[in-house]
């Protein structure tokens, strides 16, 4: 399959049309993300507690 010069021109024209007429609708279609309600410290601390309990249980079972 050979790409001709005419097909390259058509692709360039279609790309230009999309770039000129649709950038605003594509860029502004999504709402901004809401501000986070926490910094994730509570989640990190919860994961740390779970891992400590798992380590305690494994230590108890191995001993």
PDB file of N, CA and C in Angstrom:
ATOM      1  N   UNK A   1       0.852  -1.180   0.000  1.00  0.00           N
ATOM      2  CA  UNK A   1       0.000   0.000   0.000  1.00  0.00           C
ATOM      3  C   UNK A   1       0.893   1.237   0.000  1.00  0.00           C
ATOM      4  N   UNK A   2       0.635   2.091  -0.921  1.00  0.00           N
ATOM      5  CA  UNK A   2       1.471   3.264  -1.115  1.00  0.00           C
ATOM      6  C   UNK A   2       0.713   4.527  -0.709  1.00  0.00           C
ATOM      7  N   UNK A   3       1.384   5.390   0.016  1.00  0.00           N
ATOM      8  CA  UNK A   3       0.782   6.660   0.427  1.00  0.00           C
ATOM      9  C   UNK A   3       1.125   7.694  -0.633  1.00  0.00           C
ATOM     10  N   UNK A   4       0.096   8.241  -1.222  1.00  0.00           N
ATOM     11  CA  UNK A   4       0.314   9.219  -2.291  1.00  0.00           C
ATOM     12  C   UNK A   4       0.353  10.626  -1.714  1.00  0.00           C
ATOM     13  N   UNK A   5       0.805  11.532  -2.544  1.00  0.00           N
ATOM     14  CA  UNK A   5       0.877  12.934  -2.137  1.00  0.00           C
ATOM     15  C   UNK A   5      -0.518  13.501  -1.912  1.00  0.00           C
ATOM     16  N   UNK A   6      -1.477  13.080  -2.708  1.00  0.00           N
ATOM     17  CA  UNK A   6      -2.845  13.575  -2.566  1.00  0.00           C
ATOM     18  C   UNK A   6      -3.442  13.139  -1.225  1.00  0.00           C
ATOM     19  N   UNK A   7      -3.163  11.922  -0.795  1.00  0.00           N
ATOM     20  CA  UNK A   7      -3.721  11.477   0.477  1.00  0.00           C
ATOM     21  C   UNK A   7      -3.076  12.224   1.645  1.00  0.00           C
ATOM     22  N   UNK A   8      -1.795  12.543   1.517  1.00  0.00           N
ATOM     23  CA  UNK A   8      -1.137  13.323   2.564  1.00  0.00           C
ATOM     24  C   UNK A   8      -1.732  14.729   2.662  1.00  0.00           C
ATOM     25  N   UNK A   9      -2.050  15.323   1.517  1.00  0.00           N
ATOM     26  CA  UNK A   9      -2.669  16.654   1.502  1.00  0.00           C
ATOM     27  C   UNK A   9      -4.048  16.593   2.145  1.00  0.00           C
ATOM     28  N   UNK A  10      -4.800  15.542   1.853  1.00  0.00           N
ATOM     29  CA  UNK A  10      -6.134  15.398   2.445  1.00  0.00           C
ATOM     30  C   UNK A  10      -6.047  15.256   3.972  1.00  0.00           C
ATOM     31  N   UNK A  11      -5.095  14.467   4.454  1.00  0.00           N
ATOM     32  CA  UNK A  11      -4.915  14.308   5.891  1.00  0.00           C
ATOM     33  C   UNK A  11      -4.535  15.643   6.525  1.00  0.00           C
ATOM     34  N   UNK A  12      -3.677  16.405   5.862  1.00  0.00           N
ATOM     35  CA  UNK A  12      -3.272  17.703   6.385  1.00  0.00           C
ATOM     36  C   UNK A  12      -4.453  18.666   6.444  1.00  0.00           C
ATOM     37  N   UNK A  13      -5.297  18.660   5.440  1.00  0.00           N
ATOM     38  CA  UNK A  13      -6.461  19.550   5.406  1.00  0.00           C
ATOM     39  C   UNK A  13      -7.451  19.174   6.503  1.00  0.00           C
ATOM     40  N   UNK A  14      -7.727  17.881   6.651  1.00  0.00           N
ATOM     41  CA  UNK A  14      -8.667  17.442   7.690  1.00  0.00           C
ATOM     42  C   UNK A  14      -8.112  17.766   9.073  1.00  0.00           C
ATOM     43  N   UNK A  15      -6.822  17.565   9.286  1.00  0.00           N
ATOM     44  CA  UNK A  15      -6.202  17.893  10.567  1.00  0.00           C
ATOM     45  C   UNK A  15      -6.290  19.388  10.847  1.00  0.00           C
ATOM     46  N   UNK A  16      -6.058  20.199   9.851  1.00  0.00           N
ATOM     47  CA  UNK A  16      -6.153  21.645  10.017  1.00  0.00           C
ATOM     48  C   UNK A  16      -7.575  22.073  10.356  1.00  0.00           C
ATOM     49  N   UNK A  17      -8.557  21.467   9.711  1.00  0.00           N
ATOM     50  CA  UNK A  17      -9.955  21.801   9.996  1.00  0.00           C
ATOM     51  C   UNK A  17     -10.292  21.452  11.445  1.00  0.00           C
ATOM     52  N   UNK A  18      -9.894  20.258  11.886  1.00  0.00           N
ATOM     53  CA  UNK A  18     -10.147  19.888  13.275  1.00  0.00           C
ATOM     54  C   UNK A  18      -9.412  20.801  14.244  1.00  0.00           C
ATOM     55  N   UNK A  19      -8.194  21.191  13.927  1.00  0.00           N
ATOM     56  CA  UNK A  19      -7.411  22.045  14.816  1.00  0.00           C
ATOM     57  C   UNK A  19      -8.014  23.443  14.917  1.00  0.00           C
ATOM     58  N   UNK A  20      -8.621  23.921  13.833  1.00  0.00           N
ATOM     59  CA  UNK A  20      -9.173  25.281  13.839  1.00  0.00           C
ATOM     60  C   UNK A  20     -10.552  25.322  14.488  1.00  0.00           C
ATOM     61  N   UNK A  21     -11.404  24.343  14.198  1.00  0.00           N
ATOM     62  CA  UNK A  21     -12.799  24.439  14.628  1.00  0.00           C
ATOM     63  C   UNK A  21     -13.113  23.739  15.951  1.00  0.00           C
ATOM     64  N   UNK A  22     -12.312  22.791  16.388  1.00  0.00           N
ATOM     65  CA  UNK A  22     -12.678  22.019  17.562  1.00  0.00           C
ATOM     66  C   UNK A  22     -11.748  22.134  18.777  1.00  0.00           C
ATOM     67  N   UNK A  23     -10.751  22.992  18.830  1.00  0.00           N
ATOM     68  CA  UNK A  23      -9.879  22.956  20.008  1.00  0.00           C
ATOM     69  C   UNK A  23     -10.568  23.436  21.288  1.00  0.00           C
ATOM     70  N   UNK A  24     -11.439  24.422  21.190  1.00  0.00           N
ATOM     71  CA  UNK A  24     -12.083  24.956  22.384  1.00  0.00           C
ATOM     72  C   UNK A  24     -13.037  23.934  22.984  1.00  0.00           C
ATOM     73  N   UNK A  25     -13.766  23.211  22.158  1.00  0.00           N
ATOM     74  CA  UNK A  25     -14.703  22.235  22.702  1.00  0.00           C
ATOM     75  C   UNK A  25     -13.964  21.065  23.317  1.00  0.00           C
ATOM     76  N   UNK A  26     -12.829  20.697  22.785  1.00  0.00           N
ATOM     77  CA  UNK A  26     -12.081  19.573  23.352  1.00  0.00           C
ATOM     78  C   UNK A  26     -11.358  19.988  24.629  1.00  0.00           C
ATOM     79  N   UNK A  27     -10.834  21.179  24.669  1.00  0.00           N
ATOM     80  CA  UNK A  27     -10.038  21.601  25.817  1.00  0.00           C
ATOM     81  C   UNK A  27     -10.913  21.949  27.016  1.00  0.00           C
ATOM     82  N   UNK A  28     -12.121  22.444  26.799  1.00  0.00           N
ATOM     83  CA  UNK A  28     -12.947  22.917  27.901  1.00  0.00           C
ATOM     84  C   UNK A  28     -14.125  21.995  28.189  1.00  0.00           C
ATOM     85  N   UNK A  29     -14.116  20.788  27.662  1.00  0.00           N
ATOM     86  CA  UNK A  29     -15.256  19.912  27.874  1.00  0.00           C
ATOM     87  C   UNK A  29     -15.252  19.316  29.271  1.00  0.00           C
ATOM     88  N   UNK A  30     -14.091  19.129  29.885  1.00  0.00           N
ATOM     89  CA  UNK A  30     -14.021  18.519  31.209  1.00  0.00           C
ATOM     90  C   UNK A  30     -14.023  19.609  32.284  1.00  0.00           C
ATOM     91  N   UNK A  31     -14.769  19.349  33.346  1.00  0.00           N
ATOM     92  CA  UNK A  31     -14.808  20.279  34.471  1.00  0.00           C
ATOM     93  C   UNK A  31     -13.512  20.147  35.258  1.00  0.00           C
ATOM     94  N   UNK A  32     -13.083  21.205  35.891  1.00  0.00           N
ATOM     95  CA  UNK A  32     -11.862  21.100  36.704  1.00  0.00           C
ATOM     96  C   UNK A  32     -12.073  20.140  37.870  1.00  0.00           C
ATOM     97  N   UNK A  33     -11.019  19.487  38.263  1.00  0.00           N
ATOM     98  CA  UNK A  33     -11.097  18.523  39.356  1.00  0.00           C
ATOM     99  C   UNK A  33     -11.323  19.259  40.674  1.00  0.00           C
ATOM    100  N   UNK A  34     -12.148  18.683  41.543  1.00  0.00           N
ATOM    101  CA  UNK A  34     -12.372  19.341  42.835  1.00  0.00           C
ATOM    102  C   UNK A  34     -11.118  19.280  43.708  1.00  0.00           C
ATOM    103  N   UNK A  35     -11.024  20.212  44.615  1.00  0.00           N
ATOM    104  CA  UNK A  35      -9.885  20.244  45.519  1.00  0.00           C
ATOM    105  C   UNK A  35      -9.938  19.033  46.439  1.00  0.00           C
ATOM    106  N   UNK A  36      -8.802  18.439  46.735  1.00  0.00           N
ATOM    107  CA  UNK A  36      -8.823  17.269  47.625  1.00  0.00           C
ATOM    108  C   UNK A  36      -9.261  17.661  49.028  1.00  0.00           C
ATOM    109  N   UNK A  37     -10.024  16.768  49.661  1.00  0.00           N
ATOM    110  CA  UNK A  37     -10.515  17.061  51.001  1.00  0.00           C
ATOM    111  C   UNK A  37      -9.473  16.734  52.056  1.00  0.00           C
ATOM    112  N   UNK A  38      -8.487  15.912  51.730  1.00  0.00           N
ATOM    113  CA  UNK A  38      -7.389  15.627  52.650  1.00  0.00           C
ATOM    114  C   UNK A  38      -6.114  15.474  51.832  1.00  0.00           C
ATOM    115  N   UNK A  39      -4.998  15.442  52.536  1.00  0.00           N
ATOM    116  CA  UNK A  39      -3.727  15.324  51.832  1.00  0.00           C
ATOM    117  C   UNK A  39      -3.281  13.871  51.694  1.00  0.00           C
ATOM    118  N   UNK A  40      -4.117  12.938  52.103  1.00  0.00           N
ATOM    119  CA  UNK A  40      -3.776  11.532  51.986  1.00  0.00           C
ATOM    120  C   UNK A  40      -3.054  10.976  53.190  1.00  0.00           C
ATOM    121  N   UNK A  41      -2.834  11.788  54.210  1.00  0.00           N
ATOM    122  CA  UNK A  41      -2.107  11.327  55.392  1.00  0.00           C
ATOM    123  C   UNK A  41      -2.903  10.264  56.143  1.00  0.00           C
ATOM    124  N   UNK A  42      -4.213  10.406  56.196  1.00  0.00           N
ATOM    125  CA  UNK A  42      -5.041   9.421  56.900  1.00  0.00           C
ATOM    126  C   UNK A  42      -4.994   8.070  56.191  1.00  0.00           C
ATOM    127  N   UNK A  43      -4.995   8.099  54.880  1.00  0.00           N
ATOM    128  CA  UNK A  43      -4.918   6.857  54.109  1.00  0.00           C
ATOM    129  C   UNK A  43      -3.566   6.192  54.336  1.00  0.00           C
ATOM    130  N   UNK A  44      -2.503   6.967  54.296  1.00  0.00           N
ATOM    131  CA  UNK A  44      -1.166   6.423  54.531  1.00  0.00           C
ATOM    132  C   UNK A  44      -1.058   5.826  55.925  1.00  0.00           C
ATOM    133  N   UNK A  45      -1.624   6.491  56.901  1.00  0.00           N
ATOM    134  CA  UNK A  45      -1.559   5.991  58.267  1.00  0.00           C
ATOM    135  C   UNK A  45      -2.379   4.710  58.411  1.00  0.00           C
ATOM    136  N   UNK A  46      -3.512   4.633  57.755  1.00  0.00           N
ATOM    137  CA  UNK A  46      -4.325   3.419  57.783  1.00  0.00           C
ATOM    138  C   UNK A  46      -3.596   2.239  57.168  1.00  0.00           C
ATOM    139  N   UNK A  47      -2.927   2.485  56.053  1.00  0.00           N
ATOM    140  CA  UNK A  47      -2.150   1.419  55.409  1.00  0.00           C
ATOM    141  C   UNK A  47      -1.011   0.974  56.316  1.00  0.00           C
ATOM    142  N   UNK A  48      -0.370   1.909  56.992  1.00  0.00           N
ATOM    143  CA  UNK A  48       0.718   1.572  57.907  1.00  0.00           C
ATOM    144  C   UNK A  48       0.208   0.717  59.061  1.00  0.00           C
ATOM    145  N   UNK A  49      -0.964   1.038  59.621  1.00  0.00           N
ATOM    146  CA  UNK A  49      -1.524   0.240  60.704  1.00  0.00           C
ATOM    147  C   UNK A  49      -1.834  -1.182  60.242  1.00  0.00           C
ATOM    148  N   UNK A  50      -2.398  -1.305  59.048  1.00  0.00           N
ATOM    149  CA  UNK A  50      -2.725  -2.638  58.524  1.00  0.00           C
ATOM    150  C   UNK A  50      -1.456  -3.451  58.319  1.00  0.00           C
ATOM    151  N   UNK A  51      -0.428  -2.830  57.761  1.00  0.00           N
ATOM    152  CA  UNK A  51       0.826  -3.555  57.553  1.00  0.00           C
ATOM    153  C   UNK A  51       1.470  -3.959  58.876  1.00  0.00           C
ATOM    154  N   UNK A  52       1.363  -3.108  59.882  1.00  0.00           N
ATOM    155  CA  UNK A  52       1.915  -3.463  61.190  1.00  0.00           C
ATOM    156  C   UNK A  52       1.150  -4.632  61.799  1.00  0.00           C
ATOM    157  N   UNK A  53      -0.165  -4.653  61.647  1.00  0.00           N
ATOM    158  CA  UNK A  53      -0.945  -5.784  62.155  1.00  0.00           C
ATOM    159  C   UNK A  53      -0.618  -7.071  61.417  1.00  0.00           C
ATOM    160  N   UNK A  54      -0.418  -6.989  60.114  1.00  0.00           N
ATOM    161  CA  UNK A  54      -0.024  -8.174  59.339  1.00  0.00           C
ATOM    162  C   UNK A  54       1.338  -8.668  59.800  1.00  0.00           C
ATOM    163  N   UNK A  55       2.278  -7.758  60.012  1.00  0.00           N
ATOM    164  CA  UNK A  55       3.599  -8.168  60.494  1.00  0.00           C
ATOM    165  C   UNK A  55       3.508  -8.797  61.875  1.00  0.00           C
ATOM    166  N   UNK A  56       2.663  -8.270  62.744  1.00  0.00           N
ATOM    167  CA  UNK A  56       2.475  -8.838  64.074  1.00  0.00           C
ATOM    168  C   UNK A  56       1.880 -10.243  63.988  1.00  0.00           C
ATOM    169  N   UNK A  57       0.887 -10.421  63.120  1.00  0.00           N
ATOM    170  CA  UNK A  57       0.258 -11.730  62.957  1.00  0.00           C
ATOM    171  C   UNK A  57       1.228 -12.740  62.387  1.00  0.00           C
ATOM    172  N   UNK A  58       2.040 -12.348  61.411  1.00  0.00           N
ATOM    173  CA  UNK A  58       3.018 -13.257  60.816  1.00  0.00           C
ATOM    174  C   UNK A  58       4.058 -13.620  61.851  1.00  0.00           C
ATOM    175  N   UNK A  59       4.517 -12.663  62.626  1.00  0.00           N
ATOM    176  CA  UNK A  59       5.502 -12.935  63.676  1.00  0.00           C
ATOM    177  C   UNK A  59       4.929 -13.914  64.700  1.00  0.00           C
ATOM    178  N   UNK A  60       3.661 -13.731  65.076  1.00  0.00           N
ATOM    179  CA  UNK A  60       3.029 -14.621  66.041  1.00  0.00           C
ATOM    180  C   UNK A  60       2.907 -16.037  65.476  1.00  0.00           C
ATOM    181  N   UNK A  61       2.514 -16.167  64.211  1.00  0.00           N
ATOM    182  CA  UNK A  61       2.340 -17.486  63.598  1.00  0.00           C
ATOM    183  C   UNK A  61       3.670 -18.198  63.390  1.00  0.00           C
ATOM    184  N   UNK A  62       4.714 -17.467  63.042  1.00  0.00           N
ATOM    185  CA  UNK A  62       6.017 -18.095  62.805  1.00  0.00           C
ATOM    186  C   UNK A  62       6.652 -18.512  64.125  1.00  0.00           C
ATOM    187  N   UNK A  63       6.479 -17.731  65.154  1.00  0.00           N
ATOM    188  CA  UNK A  63       7.092 -18.022  66.455  1.00  0.00           C
ATOM    189  C   UNK A  63       6.341 -19.168  67.058  1.00  0.00           C
TER     190      UNK A  63
END
